[in-house]
Protein backbone atom coordinates (compact mmCIF):
# COMPACT_ATOMS: atom_id res chain seq x y z
CA MET A 1 23.26 14.40 -7.74
CA PRO A 2 20.31 16.53 -9.29
CA LYS A 3 19.99 17.11 -13.03
CA SER A 4 20.64 20.89 -14.36
CA ILE A 5 17.85 22.69 -15.54
CA TYR A 6 18.20 24.58 -19.06
CA PHE A 7 16.20 27.08 -21.04
CA VAL A 8 16.71 28.06 -24.47
CA GLN A 9 18.00 31.38 -25.78
CA GLU A 10 18.78 32.47 -29.35
CA CYS A 11 22.58 33.76 -30.09
CA PRO A 12 22.34 37.14 -31.35
CA THR A 13 25.26 36.69 -33.45
CA CYS A 14 24.62 33.27 -35.63
CA GLY A 15 20.99 32.79 -34.67
CA ARG A 16 21.46 29.27 -33.07
CA ARG A 17 19.22 28.18 -30.34
CA LEU A 18 21.35 27.62 -27.23
CA GLN A 19 20.57 25.50 -24.32
CA ILE A 20 21.87 27.62 -21.30
CA ARG A 21 21.68 26.38 -17.63
CA VAL A 22 19.57 28.28 -15.31
CA ASP A 23 22.55 28.96 -12.99
CA TYR A 24 23.92 31.29 -15.55
CA LEU A 25 21.03 33.70 -15.75
CA GLY A 26 22.57 37.19 -16.04
CA ARG A 27 25.95 36.19 -16.57
CA GLU A 28 27.99 36.67 -19.98
CA VAL A 29 27.91 33.51 -21.98
CA VAL A 30 29.96 32.53 -25.15
CA CYS A 31 27.84 30.67 -28.09
CA GLN A 32 29.76 27.22 -28.60
CA HIS A 33 29.06 27.69 -32.23
CA CYS A 34 30.19 31.12 -33.17
CA GLN A 35 32.06 32.27 -30.15
CA GLY A 36 29.61 35.21 -29.92
CA LYS A 37 29.24 37.00 -26.52
CA LEU A 38 25.80 37.09 -25.05
CA VAL A 39 23.85 37.78 -21.63
CA ALA A 40 21.80 34.77 -20.48
CA ARG A 41 18.41 36.06 -20.09
CA ASP A 42 15.15 34.16 -20.02
CA PRO A 43 13.24 34.97 -23.14
CA ALA A 44 9.97 34.71 -21.44
CA ASN A 45 11.10 37.59 -19.14
CA ALA A 46 13.01 39.66 -21.83
CA ARG A 47 10.78 42.68 -20.88
CA LEU A 48 12.93 43.10 -17.50
CA ASP A 49 15.91 45.87 -17.42
CA PRO A 50 19.25 44.55 -18.14
CA SER A 51 20.19 46.17 -14.66
CA GLN A 52 18.09 43.81 -12.76
CA THR A 53 19.29 42.86 -9.20
CA ASP A 54 20.61 39.68 -8.42
CA SER A 55 17.69 39.07 -6.12
CA GLU A 56 15.31 39.43 -9.11
CA LEU A 57 17.43 36.84 -11.05
CA ILE A 58 17.43 34.24 -8.23
CA ARG A 59 13.44 34.96 -8.01
CA ARG A 60 13.02 34.08 -11.59
CA ALA A 61 15.27 31.19 -11.32
CA ASP A 62 13.38 29.77 -8.43
CA GLU A 63 10.26 30.30 -10.40
CA LEU A 64 11.67 28.24 -13.54
CA LEU A 65 12.71 25.50 -11.13
CA ASP A 66 9.39 25.23 -9.52
CA SER A 67 7.55 25.14 -12.97
CA VAL A 68 9.71 22.14 -13.78
CA GLN A 69 9.32 20.29 -10.58
CA ARG A 70 5.40 20.84 -10.94
CA ARG A 71 5.43 19.21 -14.54
CA GLN A 72 7.66 16.54 -13.20
CA ALA A 73 5.38 15.61 -10.59
CA GLN A 74 2.30 16.19 -12.81
CA ALA A 75 3.93 13.62 -15.38
CA ARG A 76 4.62 11.05 -12.54
CA SER A 77 1.06 11.24 -11.47
CA ASN A 78 -0.31 10.94 -14.82
CA SER A 79 1.80 7.98 -15.62
CA PRO A 80 0.29 4.40 -15.56
CA ARG A 81 1.53 2.23 -12.74
């Protein structure tokens, strides 16, 4: 079973850094610490309009997944054998 990919977003209510699954991009989530509600947004892409389409969210999620896979492949190729 593949591992879930997470990104970090700050809760606007309590300020804690939350690990949010990429699967939840664009959805409303609840902070487990203060029960504050927020929309899961990639902080690196905060400039996007909140009304962005699903296809834009999926494209960004794919970019994040690709970058993680590239880093993992690079780490494997750099590890001593």
